[in-house]
Amino acid sequence: MSFFDYFRSKKQPTSASVAKERLQIIVAHERGKRAQPDYLPQMQQEIIEVIKKYVAIDQDQVNIQLDNNENCSVLELNVTLPD
């Protein structure tokens, strides 16, 4: 190893490997969506509309997640309320 090798950066990932990693993330995300019940998007929208009746919120301030366990499903709703 020469003195100048110390300052050279390591090999950068190729665009193909970066694209592959991104595709794997997208596929995993889509698989997670497939496990959700068909009624979930409509139910999420209805829950947001009910909250909007009482508090002025943006849709971006609402995070809804469905967790499936062995024998039950948990719908988690996180809303960032204005001050």
PDB file of N, CA and C in Angstrom:
ATOM      1  N   MET A   1       0.847  -1.169   0.000  1.00  0.00           N
ATOM      2  CA  MET A   1       0.000   0.000   0.000  1.00  0.00           C
ATOM      3  C   MET A   1       0.894   1.234   0.000  1.00  0.00           C
ATOM      4  N   SER A   2       0.673   2.086  -0.975  1.00  0.00           N
ATOM      5  CA  SER A   2       1.490   3.287  -1.049  1.00  0.00           C
ATOM      6  C   SER A   2       0.883   4.397  -0.190  1.00  0.00           C
ATOM      7  N   PHE A   3       1.653   5.415  -0.016  1.00  0.00           N
ATOM      8  CA  PHE A   3       1.220   6.561   0.777  1.00  0.00           C
ATOM      9  C   PHE A   3      -0.027   7.211   0.181  1.00  0.00           C
ATOM     10  N   PHE A   4      -0.121   7.283  -1.134  1.00  0.00           N
ATOM     11  CA  PHE A   4      -1.258   7.945  -1.794  1.00  0.00           C
ATOM     12  C   PHE A   4      -2.529   7.092  -1.772  1.00  0.00           C
ATOM     13  N   ASP A   5      -2.384   5.796  -1.628  1.00  0.00           N
ATOM     14  CA  ASP A   5      -3.559   4.936  -1.540  1.00  0.00           C
ATOM     15  C   ASP A   5      -4.384   5.256  -0.298  1.00  0.00           C
ATOM     16  N   TYR A   6      -3.735   5.740   0.724  1.00  0.00           N
ATOM     17  CA  TYR A   6      -4.419   6.082   1.960  1.00  0.00           C
ATOM     18  C   TYR A   6      -5.437   7.201   1.737  1.00  0.00           C
ATOM     19  N   PHE A   7      -5.134   8.135   0.838  1.00  0.00           N
ATOM     20  CA  PHE A   7      -6.000   9.282   0.598  1.00  0.00           C
ATOM     21  C   PHE A   7      -7.057   9.038  -0.477  1.00  0.00           C
ATOM     22  N   ARG A   8      -6.918   7.999  -1.221  1.00  0.00           N
ATOM     23  CA  ARG A   8      -7.906   7.691  -2.258  1.00  0.00           C
ATOM     24  C   ARG A   8      -9.167   7.158  -1.600  1.00  0.00           C
ATOM     25  N   SER A   9     -10.272   7.599  -2.142  1.00  0.00           N
ATOM     26  CA  SER A   9     -11.534   7.128  -1.578  1.00  0.00           C
ATOM     27  C   SER A   9     -11.784   5.700  -2.029  1.00  0.00           C
ATOM     28  N   LYS A  10     -12.560   5.018  -1.244  1.00  0.00           N
ATOM     29  CA  LYS A  10     -12.901   3.653  -1.597  1.00  0.00           C
ATOM     30  C   LYS A  10     -13.829   3.672  -2.801  1.00  0.00           C
ATOM     31  N   LYS A  11     -13.963   2.548  -3.421  1.00  0.00           N
ATOM     32  CA  LYS A  11     -14.759   2.436  -4.635  1.00  0.00           C
ATOM     33  C   LYS A  11     -16.205   2.839  -4.359  1.00  0.00           C
ATOM     34  N   GLN A  12     -16.726   3.738  -5.163  1.00  0.00           N
ATOM     35  CA  GLN A  12     -18.097   4.203  -5.031  1.00  0.00           C
ATOM     36  C   GLN A  12     -19.045   3.138  -5.557  1.00  0.00           C
ATOM     37  N   PRO A  13     -20.234   3.026  -4.953  1.00  0.00           N
ATOM     38  CA  PRO A  13     -21.186   2.041  -5.461  1.00  0.00           C
ATOM     39  C   PRO A  13     -21.638   2.416  -6.876  1.00  0.00           C
ATOM     40  N   THR A  14     -21.841   1.414  -7.686  1.00  0.00           N
ATOM     41  CA  THR A  14     -22.286   1.666  -9.052  1.00  0.00           C
ATOM     42  C   THR A  14     -23.755   2.043  -9.047  1.00  0.00           C
ATOM     43  N   SER A  15     -24.188   2.680 -10.118  1.00  0.00           N
ATOM     44  CA  SER A  15     -25.592   3.069 -10.201  1.00  0.00           C
ATOM     45  C   SER A  15     -26.491   1.837 -10.231  1.00  0.00           C
ATOM     46  N   ALA A  16     -25.993   0.738 -10.760  1.00  0.00           N
ATOM     47  CA  ALA A  16     -26.792  -0.495 -10.786  1.00  0.00           C
ATOM     48  C   ALA A  16     -27.032  -1.027  -9.379  1.00  0.00           C
ATOM     49  N   SER A  17     -26.014  -0.980  -8.531  1.00  0.00           N
ATOM     50  CA  SER A  17     -26.200  -1.481  -7.170  1.00  0.00           C
ATOM     51  C   SER A  17     -27.115  -0.561  -6.361  1.00  0.00           C
ATOM     52  N   VAL A  18     -27.016   0.734  -6.591  1.00  0.00           N
ATOM     53  CA  VAL A  18     -27.906   1.682  -5.915  1.00  0.00           C
ATOM     54  C   VAL A  18     -29.347   1.463  -6.373  1.00  0.00           C
ATOM     55  N   ALA A  19     -29.540   1.274  -7.680  1.00  0.00           N
ATOM     56  CA  ALA A  19     -30.877   1.029  -8.217  1.00  0.00           C
ATOM     57  C   ALA A  19     -31.449  -0.271  -7.658  1.00  0.00           C
ATOM     58  N   LYS A  20     -30.609  -1.283  -7.522  1.00  0.00           N
ATOM     59  CA  LYS A  20     -31.058  -2.565  -6.976  1.00  0.00           C
ATOM     60  C   LYS A  20     -31.527  -2.403  -5.534  1.00  0.00           C
ATOM     61  N   GLU A  21     -30.760  -1.673  -4.735  1.00  0.00           N
ATOM     62  CA  GLU A  21     -31.145  -1.444  -3.340  1.00  0.00           C
ATOM     63  C   GLU A  21     -32.467  -0.683  -3.256  1.00  0.00           C
ATOM     64  N   ARG A  22     -32.620   0.332  -4.083  1.00  0.00           N
ATOM     65  CA  ARG A  22     -33.864   1.102  -4.075  1.00  0.00           C
ATOM     66  C   ARG A  22     -35.049   0.245  -4.491  1.00  0.00           C
ATOM     67  N   LEU A  23     -34.858  -0.596  -5.484  1.00  0.00           N
ATOM     68  CA  LEU A  23     -35.925  -1.474  -5.931  1.00  0.00           C
ATOM     69  C   LEU A  23     -36.314  -2.453  -4.831  1.00  0.00           C
ATOM     70  N   GLN A  24     -35.348  -2.961  -4.102  1.00  0.00           N
ATOM     71  CA  GLN A  24     -35.650  -3.869  -3.002  1.00  0.00           C
ATOM     72  C   GLN A  24     -36.481  -3.176  -1.931  1.00  0.00           C
ATOM     73  N   ILE A  25     -36.183  -1.910  -1.665  1.00  0.00           N
ATOM     74  CA  ILE A  25     -36.961  -1.155  -0.678  1.00  0.00           C
ATOM     75  C   ILE A  25     -38.388  -0.967  -1.169  1.00  0.00           C
ATOM     76  N   ILE A  26     -38.553  -0.628  -2.443  1.00  0.00           N
ATOM     77  CA  ILE A  26     -39.890  -0.420  -3.002  1.00  0.00           C
ATOM     78  C   ILE A  26     -40.700  -1.713  -2.969  1.00  0.00           C
ATOM     79  N   VAL A  27     -40.073  -2.821  -3.344  1.00  0.00           N
ATOM     80  CA  VAL A  27     -40.772  -4.108  -3.347  1.00  0.00           C
ATOM     81  C   VAL A  27     -41.197  -4.488  -1.932  1.00  0.00           C
ATOM     82  N   ALA A  28     -40.331  -4.286  -0.959  1.00  0.00           N
ATOM     83  CA  ALA A  28     -40.678  -4.598   0.429  1.00  0.00           C
ATOM     84  C   ALA A  28     -41.833  -3.724   0.900  1.00  0.00           C
ATOM     85  N   HIS A  29     -41.823  -2.465   0.511  1.00  0.00           N
ATOM     86  CA  HIS A  29     -42.902  -1.554   0.894  1.00  0.00           C
ATOM     87  C   HIS A  29     -44.230  -1.993   0.271  1.00  0.00           C
ATOM     88  N   GLU A  30     -44.205  -2.369  -0.995  1.00  0.00           N
ATOM     89  CA  GLU A  30     -45.417  -2.810  -1.679  1.00  0.00           C
ATOM     90  C   GLU A  30     -45.943  -4.120  -1.103  1.00  0.00           C
ATOM     91  N   ARG A  31     -45.053  -5.006  -0.705  1.00  0.00           N
ATOM     92  CA  ARG A  31     -45.492  -6.255  -0.073  1.00  0.00           C
ATOM     93  C   ARG A  31     -46.213  -5.970   1.237  1.00  0.00           C
ATOM     94  N   GLY A  32     -45.725  -4.988   1.971  1.00  0.00           N
ATOM     95  CA  GLY A  32     -46.383  -4.603   3.219  1.00  0.00           C
ATOM     96  C   GLY A  32     -47.770  -4.053   2.978  1.00  0.00           C
ATOM     97  N   LYS A  33     -47.941  -3.314   1.899  1.00  0.00           N
ATOM     98  CA  LYS A  33     -49.255  -2.768   1.570  1.00  0.00           C
ATOM     99  C   LYS A  33     -50.230  -3.875   1.183  1.00  0.00           C
ATOM    100  N   ARG A  34     -49.718  -4.908   0.512  1.00  0.00           N
ATOM    101  CA  ARG A  34     -50.578  -5.988   0.048  1.00  0.00           C
ATOM    102  C   ARG A  34     -51.219  -6.734   1.204  1.00  0.00           C
ATOM    103  N   ALA A  35     -50.578  -6.763   2.347  1.00  0.00           N
ATOM    104  CA  ALA A  35     -51.103  -7.481   3.499  1.00  0.00           C
ATOM    105  C   ALA A  35     -52.231  -6.722   4.179  1.00  0.00           C
ATOM    106  N   GLN A  36     -52.435  -5.455   3.822  1.00  0.00           N
ATOM    107  CA  GLN A  36     -53.481  -4.656   4.432  1.00  0.00           C
ATOM    108  C   GLN A  36     -54.846  -5.036   3.877  1.00  0.00           C
ATOM    109  N   PRO A  37     -55.874  -4.936   4.702  1.00  0.00           N
ATOM    110  CA  PRO A  37     -57.225  -5.202   4.210  1.00  0.00           C
ATOM    111  C   PRO A  37     -57.656  -4.158   3.180  1.00  0.00           C
ATOM    112  N   ASP A  38     -58.608  -4.517   2.336  1.00  0.00           N
ATOM    113  CA  ASP A  38     -59.076  -3.625   1.283  1.00  0.00           C
ATOM    114  C   ASP A  38     -59.760  -2.374   1.826  1.00  0.00           C
ATOM    115  N   TYR A  39     -60.386  -2.491   2.970  1.00  0.00           N
ATOM    116  CA  TYR A  39     -61.136  -1.372   3.527  1.00  0.00           C
ATOM    117  C   TYR A  39     -60.266  -0.352   4.246  1.00  0.00           C
ATOM    118  N   LEU A  40     -59.007  -0.650   4.453  1.00  0.00           N
ATOM    119  CA  LEU A  40     -58.144   0.213   5.262  1.00  0.00           C
ATOM    120  C   LEU A  40     -57.981   1.625   4.699  1.00  0.00           C
ATOM    121  N   PRO A  41     -57.721   1.838   3.406  1.00  0.00           N
ATOM    122  CA  PRO A  41     -57.584   3.221   2.913  1.00  0.00           C
ATOM    123  C   PRO A  41     -58.846   4.060   3.134  1.00  0.00           C
ATOM    124  N   GLN A  42     -60.005   3.471   2.918  1.00  0.00           N
ATOM    125  CA  GLN A  42     -61.257   4.207   3.131  1.00  0.00           C
ATOM    126  C   GLN A  42     -61.445   4.510   4.619  1.00  0.00           C
ATOM    127  N   MET A  43     -61.132   3.549   5.470  1.00  0.00           N
ATOM    128  CA  MET A  43     -61.258   3.763   6.906  1.00  0.00           C
ATOM    129  C   MET A  43     -60.305   4.851   7.379  1.00  0.00           C
ATOM    130  N   GLN A  44     -59.094   4.869   6.848  1.00  0.00           N
ATOM    131  CA  GLN A  44     -58.132   5.919   7.194  1.00  0.00           C
ATOM    132  C   GLN A  44     -58.676   7.288   6.825  1.00  0.00           C
ATOM    133  N   GLN A  45     -59.242   7.408   5.634  1.00  0.00           N
ATOM    134  CA  GLN A  45     -59.785   8.692   5.191  1.00  0.00           C
ATOM    135  C   GLN A  45     -60.951   9.127   6.067  1.00  0.00           C
ATOM    136  N   GLU A  46     -61.809   8.197   6.446  1.00  0.00           N
ATOM    137  CA  GLU A  46     -62.946   8.532   7.305  1.00  0.00           C
ATOM    138  C   GLU A  46     -62.487   8.975   8.697  1.00  0.00           C
ATOM    139  N   ILE A  47     -61.466   8.338   9.224  1.00  0.00           N
ATOM    140  CA  ILE A  47     -60.935   8.736  10.531  1.00  0.00           C
ATOM    141  C   ILE A  47     -60.377  10.155  10.456  1.00  0.00           C
ATOM    142  N   ILE A  48     -59.660  10.457   9.392  1.00  0.00           N
ATOM    143  CA  ILE A  48     -59.101  11.805   9.205  1.00  0.00           C
ATOM    144  C   ILE A  48     -60.220  12.833   9.100  1.00  0.00           C
ATOM    145  N   GLU A  49     -61.281  12.520   8.391  1.00  0.00           N
ATOM    146  CA  GLU A  49     -62.403  13.454   8.246  1.00  0.00           C
ATOM    147  C   GLU A  49     -63.074  13.726   9.588  1.00  0.00           C
ATOM    148  N   VAL A  50     -63.207  12.708  10.424  1.00  0.00           N
ATOM    149  CA  VAL A  50     -63.799  12.904  11.754  1.00  0.00           C
ATOM    150  C   VAL A  50     -62.909  13.804  12.601  1.00  0.00           C
ATOM    151  N   ILE A  51     -61.608  13.590  12.558  1.00  0.00           N
ATOM    152  CA  ILE A  51     -60.691  14.435  13.323  1.00  0.00           C
ATOM    153  C   ILE A  51     -60.768  15.874  12.830  1.00  0.00           C
ATOM    154  N   LYS A  52     -60.886  16.059  11.515  1.00  0.00           N
ATOM    155  CA  LYS A  52     -60.957  17.404  10.936  1.00  0.00           C
ATOM    156  C   LYS A  52     -62.219  18.148  11.354  1.00  0.00           C
ATOM    157  N   LYS A  53     -63.256  17.441  11.764  1.00  0.00           N
ATOM    158  CA  LYS A  53     -64.471  18.100  12.265  1.00  0.00           C
ATOM    159  C   LYS A  53     -64.181  18.909  13.520  1.00  0.00           C
ATOM    160  N   TYR A  54     -63.225  18.430  14.305  1.00  0.00           N
ATOM    161  CA  TYR A  54     -62.959  19.044  15.603  1.00  0.00           C
ATOM    162  C   TYR A  54     -61.656  19.821  15.671  1.00  0.00           C
ATOM    163  N   VAL A  55     -60.686  19.452  14.834  1.00  0.00           N
ATOM    164  CA  VAL A  55     -59.370  20.084  14.873  1.00  0.00           C
ATOM    165  C   VAL A  55     -58.903  20.312  13.443  1.00  0.00           C
ATOM    166  N   ALA A  56     -58.366  21.510  13.183  1.00  0.00           N
ATOM    167  CA  ALA A  56     -57.825  21.802  11.858  1.00  0.00           C
ATOM    168  C   ALA A  56     -56.437  21.162  11.732  1.00  0.00           C
ATOM    169  N   ILE A  57     -56.354  20.133  10.903  1.00  0.00           N
ATOM    170  CA  ILE A  57     -55.087  19.441  10.689  1.00  0.00           C
ATOM    171  C   ILE A  57     -54.858  19.244   9.195  1.00  0.00           C
ATOM    172  N   ASP A  58     -53.601  19.052   8.839  1.00  0.00           N
ATOM    173  CA  ASP A  58     -53.250  18.672   7.474  1.00  0.00           C
ATOM    174  C   ASP A  58     -53.146  17.161   7.409  1.00  0.00           C
ATOM    175  N   GLN A  59     -53.383  16.617   6.240  1.00  0.00           N
ATOM    176  CA  GLN A  59     -53.285  15.168   6.069  1.00  0.00           C
ATOM    177  C   GLN A  59     -51.848  14.699   6.305  1.00  0.00           C
ATOM    178  N   ASP A  60     -50.874  15.575   6.084  1.00  0.00           N
ATOM    179  CA  ASP A  60     -49.476  15.216   6.304  1.00  0.00           C
ATOM    180  C   ASP A  60     -49.158  15.024   7.788  1.00  0.00           C
ATOM    181  N   GLN A  61     -50.009  15.538   8.654  1.00  0.00           N
ATOM    182  CA  GLN A  61     -49.784  15.446  10.089  1.00  0.00           C
ATOM    183  C   GLN A  61     -50.356  14.161  10.681  1.00  0.00           C
ATOM    184  N   VAL A  62     -50.903  13.295   9.829  1.00  0.00           N
ATOM    185  CA  VAL A  62     -51.513  12.053  10.292  1.00  0.00           C
ATOM    186  C   VAL A  62     -50.700  10.871   9.781  1.00  0.00           C
ATOM    187  N   ASN A  63     -50.338   9.989  10.690  1.00  0.00           N
ATOM    188  CA  ASN A  63     -49.619   8.770  10.328  1.00  0.00           C
ATOM    189  C   ASN A  63     -50.430   7.583  10.819  1.00  0.00           C
ATOM    190  N   ILE A  64     -50.850   6.731   9.893  1.00  0.00           N
ATOM    191  CA  ILE A  64     -51.647   5.561  10.235  1.00  0.00           C
ATOM    192  C   ILE A  64     -50.866   4.320   9.836  1.00  0.00           C
ATOM    193  N   GLN A  65     -50.831   3.352  10.749  1.00  0.00           N
ATOM    194  CA  GLN A  65     -50.073   2.137  10.502  1.00  0.00           C
ATOM    195  C   GLN A  65     -50.858   0.942  11.032  1.00  0.00           C
ATOM    196  N   LEU A  66     -50.833  -0.148  10.286  1.00  0.00           N
ATOM    197  CA  LEU A  66     -51.499  -1.380  10.692  1.00  0.00           C
ATOM    198  C   LEU A  66     -50.443  -2.412  11.030  1.00  0.00           C
ATOM    199  N   ASP A  67     -50.487  -2.924  12.262  1.00  0.00           N
ATOM    200  CA  ASP A  67     -49.554  -3.969  12.697  1.00  0.00           C
ATOM    201  C   ASP A  67     -50.339  -5.262  12.899  1.00  0.00           C
ATOM    202  N   ASN A  68     -49.883  -6.307  12.263  1.00  0.00           N
ATOM    203  CA  ASN A  68     -50.529  -7.614  12.392  1.00  0.00           C
ATOM    204  C   ASN A  68     -49.695  -8.504  13.294  1.00  0.00           C
ATOM    205  N   ASN A  69     -50.331  -9.014  14.337  1.00  0.00           N
ATOM    206  CA  ASN A  69     -49.698  -9.986  15.223  1.00  0.00           C
ATOM    207  C   ASN A  69     -50.285 -11.350  14.905  1.00  0.00           C
ATOM    208  N   GLU A  70     -49.965 -12.330  15.703  1.00  0.00           N
ATOM    209  CA  GLU A  70     -50.439 -13.682  15.445  1.00  0.00           C
ATOM    210  C   GLU A  70     -51.959 -13.779  15.431  1.00  0.00           C
ATOM    211  N   ASN A  71     -52.597 -13.195  16.413  1.00  0.00           N
ATOM    212  CA  ASN A  71     -54.045 -13.366  16.516  1.00  0.00           C
ATOM    213  C   ASN A  71     -54.821 -12.059  16.547  1.00  0.00           C
ATOM    214  N   CYS A  72     -54.165 -10.932  16.296  1.00  0.00           N
ATOM    215  CA  CYS A  72     -54.895  -9.669  16.271  1.00  0.00           C
ATOM    216  C   CYS A  72     -54.178  -8.651  15.390  1.00  0.00           C
ATOM    217  N   SER A  73     -54.926  -7.646  14.977  1.00  0.00           N
ATOM    218  CA  SER A  73     -54.371  -6.532  14.205  1.00  0.00           C
ATOM    219  C   SER A  73     -54.547  -5.264  15.015  1.00  0.00           C
ATOM    220  N   VAL A  74     -53.538  -4.405  14.970  1.00  0.00           N
ATOM    221  CA  VAL A  74     -53.572  -3.155  15.712  1.00  0.00           C
ATOM    222  C   VAL A  74     -53.454  -2.010  14.716  1.00  0.00           C
ATOM    223  N   LEU A  75     -54.440  -1.113  14.750  1.00  0.00           N
ATOM    224  CA  LEU A  75     -54.413   0.079  13.915  1.00  0.00           C
ATOM    225  C   LEU A  75     -53.877   1.212  14.781  1.00  0.00           C
ATOM    226  N   GLU A  76     -52.707   1.726  14.393  1.00  0.00           N
ATOM    227  CA  GLU A  76     -52.057   2.792  15.161  1.00  0.00           C
ATOM    228  C   GLU A  76     -52.239   4.105  14.417  1.00  0.00           C
ATOM    229  N   LEU A  77     -52.710   5.116  15.120  1.00  0.00           N
ATOM    230  CA  LEU A  77     -52.980   6.417  14.530  1.00  0.00           C
ATOM    231  C   LEU A  77     -52.218   7.474  15.324  1.00  0.00           C
ATOM    232  N   ASN A  78     -51.333   8.186  14.652  1.00  0.00           N
ATOM    233  CA  ASN A  78     -50.576   9.280  15.269  1.00  0.00           C
ATOM    234  C   ASN A  78     -50.935  10.572  14.560  1.00  0.00           C
ATOM    235  N   VAL A  79     -51.435  11.541  15.336  1.00  0.00           N
ATOM    236  CA  VAL A  79     -51.842  12.826  14.783  1.00  0.00           C
ATOM    237  C   VAL A  79     -51.054  13.914  15.493  1.00  0.00           C
ATOM    238  N   THR A  80     -50.402  14.766  14.723  1.00  0.00           N
ATOM    239  CA  THR A  80     -49.722  15.918  15.287  1.00  0.00           C
ATOM    240  C   THR A  80     -50.727  17.063  15.334  1.00  0.00           C
ATOM    241  N   LEU A  81     -51.106  17.431  16.544  1.00  0.00           N
ATOM    242  CA  LEU A  81     -52.103  18.474  16.723  1.00  0.00           C
ATOM    243  C   LEU A  81     -51.435  19.844  16.778  1.00  0.00           C
ATOM    244  N   PRO A  82     -52.117  20.852  16.241  1.00  0.00           N
ATOM    245  CA  PRO A  82     -51.536  22.212  16.309  1.00  0.00           C
ATOM    246  C   PRO A  82     -51.548  22.729  17.740  1.00  0.00           C
ATOM    247  N   ASP A  83     -50.698  23.687  17.998  1.00  0.00           N
ATOM    248  CA  ASP A  83     -50.614  24.265  19.357  1.00  0.00           C
ATOM    249  C   ASP A  83     -51.859  25.009  19.735  1.00  0.00           C
TER     250      ASP A  83
END
